């Protein structure tokens, strides 16, 4: 049964801890914040790009870079990561989302930036 699901959905998207995600961004990965506009206005990860979940399927994104999907807790970003993987992107999912990022003591900013 799991083989059927893997064929249907594709291979699982690897997850990353906040520290691993931060290290990967230093190597050129891009964090995609897939939360809604109001959530992004509260806080965001510096250097991340805002692409709400509903726009992930058709957003122009850079080829050749690892994309790290991020939401509040990791659930919506897992959906976004699957969509992007199906489009041929190399993706990861930030486990625990921005909440885990903040709990790890990593920087966030307030306000709404692209």
N, C-alpha and C. Protein backbone atom coordinates (compact mmCIF):
# COMPACT_ATOMS: atom_id res chain seq x y z
N UNK A 1 0.81 -1.20 0.00
CA UNK A 1 0.00 0.00 0.00
C UNK A 1 0.85 1.27 0.00
N UNK A 2 1.94 1.26 0.79
CA UNK A 2 2.78 2.45 0.84
C UNK A 2 3.49 2.69 -0.49
N UNK A 3 3.79 1.61 -1.21
CA UNK A 3 4.38 1.77 -2.53
C UNK A 3 3.44 2.49 -3.48
N UNK A 4 2.14 2.19 -3.38
CA UNK A 4 1.14 2.86 -4.18
C UNK A 4 1.11 4.36 -3.85
N UNK A 5 1.12 4.68 -2.57
CA UNK A 5 1.09 6.09 -2.16
C UNK A 5 2.35 6.83 -2.62
N UNK A 6 3.48 6.17 -2.53
CA UNK A 6 4.72 6.79 -3.00
C UNK A 6 4.67 7.07 -4.48
N UNK A 7 4.14 6.14 -5.26
CA UNK A 7 4.01 6.36 -6.70
C UNK A 7 3.02 7.48 -6.98
N UNK A 8 1.96 7.55 -6.20
CA UNK A 8 0.94 8.57 -6.39
C UNK A 8 1.43 9.96 -5.96
N UNK A 9 2.03 10.05 -4.81
CA UNK A 9 2.43 11.34 -4.25
C UNK A 9 3.90 11.70 -4.50
N UNK A 10 4.69 10.74 -4.91
CA UNK A 10 6.12 10.99 -5.07
C UNK A 10 6.84 10.65 -3.78
N UNK A 11 8.15 10.69 -3.81
CA UNK A 11 8.91 10.37 -2.60
C UNK A 11 8.65 11.40 -1.51
N UNK A 12 8.83 11.01 -0.26
CA UNK A 12 8.63 11.95 0.83
C UNK A 12 9.59 13.14 0.72
N UNK A 13 9.13 14.29 1.17
CA UNK A 13 9.97 15.49 1.17
C UNK A 13 10.79 15.47 2.45
N UNK A 14 12.11 15.59 2.34
CA UNK A 14 12.93 15.60 3.55
C UNK A 14 12.61 16.80 4.44
N UNK A 15 12.62 16.59 5.73
CA UNK A 15 12.43 17.66 6.69
C UNK A 15 13.77 18.14 7.23
N UNK A 16 13.78 19.36 7.69
CA UNK A 16 14.99 19.95 8.25
C UNK A 16 14.68 20.57 9.62
N UNK A 17 15.63 20.48 10.52
CA UNK A 17 15.52 21.23 11.77
C UNK A 17 15.81 22.69 11.45
N UNK A 18 15.42 23.61 12.32
CA UNK A 18 15.73 25.02 12.07
C UNK A 18 17.22 25.28 11.88
N UNK A 19 18.06 24.68 12.69
CA UNK A 19 19.52 24.91 12.56
C UNK A 19 20.04 24.37 11.22
N UNK A 20 19.54 23.21 10.81
CA UNK A 20 19.96 22.66 9.51
C UNK A 20 19.47 23.54 8.37
N UNK A 21 18.25 24.07 8.51
CA UNK A 21 17.72 24.97 7.48
C UNK A 21 18.56 26.24 7.39
N UNK A 22 18.92 26.79 8.53
CA UNK A 22 19.75 27.99 8.53
C UNK A 22 21.09 27.71 7.84
N UNK A 23 21.69 26.57 8.15
CA UNK A 23 22.97 26.21 7.51
C UNK A 23 22.81 26.05 6.01
N UNK A 24 21.70 25.47 5.58
CA UNK A 24 21.47 25.27 4.15
C UNK A 24 21.26 26.61 3.43
N UNK A 25 20.65 27.59 4.11
CA UNK A 25 20.50 28.91 3.48
C UNK A 25 21.86 29.56 3.27
N UNK A 26 22.78 29.29 4.14
CA UNK A 26 24.14 29.84 3.97
C UNK A 26 24.84 29.24 2.75
N UNK A 27 24.33 28.11 2.29
CA UNK A 27 24.86 27.46 1.09
C UNK A 27 24.04 27.80 -0.15
N UNK A 28 23.07 28.73 -0.01
CA UNK A 28 22.32 29.18 -1.17
C UNK A 28 20.87 28.78 -1.24
N UNK A 29 20.39 28.00 -0.28
CA UNK A 29 18.97 27.61 -0.28
C UNK A 29 18.11 28.84 0.00
N UNK A 30 16.87 28.78 -0.46
CA UNK A 30 15.91 29.87 -0.28
C UNK A 30 14.74 29.36 0.55
N UNK A 31 14.41 30.11 1.61
CA UNK A 31 13.24 29.77 2.42
C UNK A 31 12.02 30.42 1.80
N UNK A 32 10.99 29.61 1.55
CA UNK A 32 9.71 30.10 1.05
C UNK A 32 8.70 30.09 2.18
N UNK A 33 8.22 31.26 2.54
CA UNK A 33 7.21 31.41 3.58
C UNK A 33 5.86 31.28 2.90
N UNK A 34 5.15 30.18 3.17
CA UNK A 34 3.89 29.90 2.48
C UNK A 34 2.66 30.30 3.31
N UNK A 35 2.88 31.06 4.37
CA UNK A 35 1.76 31.52 5.20
C UNK A 35 0.99 32.63 4.49
N UNK A 36 -0.14 32.99 5.07
CA UNK A 36 -0.96 34.06 4.52
C UNK A 36 -0.34 35.43 4.83
N UNK A 37 -0.80 36.44 4.13
CA UNK A 37 -0.25 37.79 4.27
C UNK A 37 -0.31 38.30 5.71
N UNK A 38 -1.42 38.08 6.40
CA UNK A 38 -1.56 38.57 7.77
C UNK A 38 -0.55 37.90 8.71
N UNK A 39 -0.26 36.63 8.47
CA UNK A 39 0.73 35.94 9.30
C UNK A 39 2.13 36.50 9.04
N UNK A 40 2.44 36.72 7.79
CA UNK A 40 3.74 37.26 7.42
C UNK A 40 3.93 38.65 8.01
N UNK A 41 2.85 39.41 8.12
CA UNK A 41 2.93 40.76 8.68
C UNK A 41 3.34 40.73 10.14
N UNK A 42 3.07 39.63 10.83
CA UNK A 42 3.44 39.51 12.24
C UNK A 42 4.95 39.31 12.42
N UNK A 43 5.50 38.39 11.66
CA UNK A 43 6.93 38.11 11.74
C UNK A 43 7.33 37.24 10.56
N UNK A 44 8.62 37.26 10.25
CA UNK A 44 9.13 36.45 9.14
C UNK A 44 10.60 36.16 9.36
N UNK A 45 11.10 35.17 8.66
CA UNK A 45 12.51 34.81 8.71
C UNK A 45 13.26 35.72 7.74
N UNK A 46 14.27 36.44 8.21
CA UNK A 46 15.03 37.31 7.30
C UNK A 46 15.58 36.53 6.11
N UNK A 47 15.43 37.12 4.93
CA UNK A 47 15.91 36.49 3.71
C UNK A 47 14.92 35.54 3.06
N UNK A 48 13.80 35.28 3.75
CA UNK A 48 12.80 34.39 3.16
C UNK A 48 11.98 35.14 2.11
N UNK A 49 11.36 34.37 1.25
CA UNK A 49 10.49 34.94 0.21
C UNK A 49 9.06 34.51 0.49
N UNK A 50 8.14 35.44 0.36
CA UNK A 50 6.73 35.15 0.65
C UNK A 50 6.01 34.67 -0.61
N UNK A 51 5.51 33.46 -0.56
CA UNK A 51 4.69 32.88 -1.62
C UNK A 51 3.57 32.12 -0.91
N UNK A 52 2.40 32.74 -0.73
CA UNK A 52 1.31 32.05 -0.03
C UNK A 52 1.00 30.69 -0.66
N UNK A 53 0.55 29.77 0.16
CA UNK A 53 0.30 28.40 -0.29
C UNK A 53 -0.54 28.35 -1.56
N UNK A 54 -1.56 29.18 -1.65
CA UNK A 54 -2.43 29.18 -2.83
C UNK A 54 -1.74 29.61 -4.11
N UNK A 55 -0.57 30.20 -4.02
CA UNK A 55 0.17 30.67 -5.19
C UNK A 55 1.36 29.78 -5.55
N UNK A 56 1.67 28.81 -4.70
CA UNK A 56 2.86 27.97 -4.90
C UNK A 56 2.83 27.23 -6.22
N UNK A 57 1.66 26.79 -6.65
CA UNK A 57 1.55 25.99 -7.87
C UNK A 57 1.93 26.71 -9.14
N UNK A 58 1.90 28.04 -9.13
CA UNK A 58 2.22 28.79 -10.36
C UNK A 58 3.22 29.93 -10.15
N UNK A 59 3.79 30.03 -8.97
CA UNK A 59 4.75 31.11 -8.70
C UNK A 59 6.06 30.86 -9.46
N UNK A 60 6.63 31.91 -10.05
CA UNK A 60 7.95 31.75 -10.66
C UNK A 60 9.00 31.64 -9.56
N UNK A 61 9.75 30.57 -9.59
CA UNK A 61 10.75 30.32 -8.55
C UNK A 61 12.09 29.98 -9.20
N UNK A 62 13.18 30.23 -8.48
CA UNK A 62 14.50 29.99 -9.06
C UNK A 62 14.80 28.50 -9.23
N UNK A 63 15.26 28.15 -10.39
CA UNK A 63 15.70 26.78 -10.65
C UNK A 63 17.13 26.63 -10.12
N UNK A 64 17.47 25.42 -9.75
CA UNK A 64 18.84 25.14 -9.34
C UNK A 64 19.17 25.51 -7.90
N UNK A 65 18.17 25.93 -7.13
CA UNK A 65 18.37 26.23 -5.71
C UNK A 65 17.48 25.31 -4.89
N UNK A 66 17.97 24.90 -3.75
CA UNK A 66 17.13 24.16 -2.82
C UNK A 66 16.11 25.14 -2.24
N UNK A 67 14.85 24.73 -2.22
CA UNK A 67 13.78 25.54 -1.65
C UNK A 67 13.35 24.90 -0.34
N UNK A 68 13.34 25.70 0.72
CA UNK A 68 12.91 25.23 2.04
C UNK A 68 11.55 25.86 2.32
N UNK A 69 10.52 25.04 2.38
CA UNK A 69 9.17 25.55 2.63
C UNK A 69 8.97 25.72 4.13
N UNK A 70 8.31 26.83 4.48
CA UNK A 70 8.10 27.18 5.88
C UNK A 70 6.73 27.78 6.07
N UNK A 71 6.04 27.35 7.13
CA UNK A 71 4.77 27.96 7.52
C UNK A 71 4.83 28.20 9.03
N UNK A 72 3.71 28.16 9.70
CA UNK A 72 3.72 28.38 11.15
C UNK A 72 4.21 27.14 11.90
N UNK A 73 3.74 25.96 11.48
CA UNK A 73 4.05 24.74 12.23
C UNK A 73 4.64 23.60 11.40
N UNK A 74 4.64 23.74 10.08
CA UNK A 74 5.19 22.70 9.22
C UNK A 74 4.17 21.91 8.44
N UNK A 75 2.90 22.11 8.71
CA UNK A 75 1.87 21.34 8.00
C UNK A 75 1.60 21.88 6.60
N UNK A 76 1.30 23.17 6.50
CA UNK A 76 1.04 23.76 5.18
C UNK A 76 2.30 23.72 4.32
N UNK A 77 3.44 23.92 4.95
CA UNK A 77 4.68 23.91 4.17
C UNK A 77 4.95 22.52 3.61
N UNK A 78 4.51 21.47 4.29
CA UNK A 78 4.66 20.11 3.75
C UNK A 78 3.84 19.96 2.47
N UNK A 79 2.63 20.56 2.45
CA UNK A 79 1.81 20.53 1.24
C UNK A 79 2.49 21.30 0.11
N UNK A 80 3.02 22.48 0.44
CA UNK A 80 3.71 23.29 -0.57
C UNK A 80 4.92 22.54 -1.11
N UNK A 81 5.66 21.90 -0.23
CA UNK A 81 6.86 21.16 -0.65
C UNK A 81 6.50 20.04 -1.62
N UNK A 82 5.40 19.36 -1.37
CA UNK A 82 4.95 18.31 -2.29
C UNK A 82 4.62 18.88 -3.66
N UNK A 83 3.93 20.02 -3.68
CA UNK A 83 3.59 20.66 -4.96
C UNK A 83 4.86 21.04 -5.73
N UNK A 84 5.79 21.60 -5.02
CA UNK A 84 7.03 22.04 -5.68
C UNK A 84 7.87 20.84 -6.14
N UNK A 85 7.88 19.81 -5.35
CA UNK A 85 8.59 18.59 -5.74
C UNK A 85 8.00 18.03 -7.03
N UNK A 86 6.67 18.07 -7.14
CA UNK A 86 6.00 17.59 -8.35
C UNK A 86 6.34 18.45 -9.55
N UNK A 87 6.70 19.73 -9.31
CA UNK A 87 7.11 20.63 -10.39
C UNK A 87 8.59 20.47 -10.72
N UNK A 88 9.29 19.60 -10.01
CA UNK A 88 10.69 19.32 -10.33
C UNK A 88 11.70 20.07 -9.49
N UNK A 89 11.26 20.77 -8.46
CA UNK A 89 12.19 21.50 -7.60
C UNK A 89 12.77 20.58 -6.54
N UNK A 90 13.97 20.91 -6.09
CA UNK A 90 14.58 20.23 -4.94
C UNK A 90 14.10 20.96 -3.70
N UNK A 91 13.35 20.29 -2.86
CA UNK A 91 12.70 20.95 -1.72
C UNK A 91 12.97 20.24 -0.40
N UNK A 92 12.82 21.00 0.66
CA UNK A 92 12.86 20.51 2.03
C UNK A 92 11.71 21.19 2.77
N UNK A 93 11.34 20.63 3.90
CA UNK A 93 10.29 21.21 4.73
C UNK A 93 10.89 21.57 6.09
N UNK A 94 10.67 22.80 6.53
CA UNK A 94 11.14 23.23 7.85
C UNK A 94 10.24 22.62 8.91
N UNK A 95 10.76 21.65 9.64
CA UNK A 95 9.98 20.96 10.67
C UNK A 95 9.63 21.93 11.79
N UNK A 96 8.35 22.01 12.10
CA UNK A 96 7.91 22.89 13.18
C UNK A 96 7.70 24.33 12.77
N UNK A 97 8.02 24.65 11.51
CA UNK A 97 7.78 25.98 10.97
C UNK A 97 8.50 27.10 11.71
N UNK A 98 7.96 28.30 11.57
CA UNK A 98 8.59 29.47 12.17
C UNK A 98 8.56 29.38 13.71
N UNK A 99 7.59 28.66 14.24
CA UNK A 99 7.56 28.49 15.70
C UNK A 99 8.79 27.75 16.19
N UNK A 100 9.18 26.69 15.50
CA UNK A 100 10.38 25.94 15.87
C UNK A 100 11.62 26.80 15.65
N UNK A 101 11.61 27.59 14.58
CA UNK A 101 12.72 28.50 14.27
C UNK A 101 12.93 29.46 15.45
N UNK A 102 11.84 30.05 15.92
CA UNK A 102 11.92 30.98 17.04
C UNK A 102 12.32 30.27 18.33
N UNK A 103 11.79 29.08 18.56
CA UNK A 103 12.13 28.32 19.76
C UNK A 103 13.62 27.95 19.79
N UNK A 104 14.22 27.83 18.60
CA UNK A 104 15.65 27.54 18.51
C UNK A 104 16.50 28.80 18.71
N UNK A 105 15.84 29.94 18.91
CA UNK A 105 16.57 31.18 19.15
C UNK A 105 17.09 31.83 17.88
N UNK A 106 16.54 31.45 16.73
CA UNK A 106 17.01 32.01 15.47
C UNK A 106 16.24 33.30 15.17
N UNK A 107 16.82 34.20 14.38
CA UNK A 107 16.24 35.53 14.20
C UNK A 107 14.99 35.56 13.34
N UNK A 108 14.08 36.44 13.72
CA UNK A 108 12.92 36.77 12.90
C UNK A 108 12.81 38.29 12.93
N UNK A 109 12.03 38.80 11.99
CA UNK A 109 11.76 40.24 11.94
C UNK A 109 10.27 40.45 11.94
N UNK A 110 9.88 41.62 12.39
CA UNK A 110 8.46 41.99 12.36
C UNK A 110 8.20 42.78 11.09
N UNK A 111 6.96 42.74 10.64
CA UNK A 111 6.60 43.49 9.43
C UNK A 111 6.36 42.57 8.28
N UNK A 112 6.06 43.19 7.14
CA UNK A 112 5.70 42.41 5.97
C UNK A 112 6.60 42.78 4.82
N UNK A 113 7.51 41.89 4.50
CA UNK A 113 8.40 42.10 3.37
C UNK A 113 8.24 40.96 2.40
N UNK A 114 8.53 41.21 1.13
CA UNK A 114 8.35 40.15 0.11
C UNK A 114 9.16 38.90 0.38
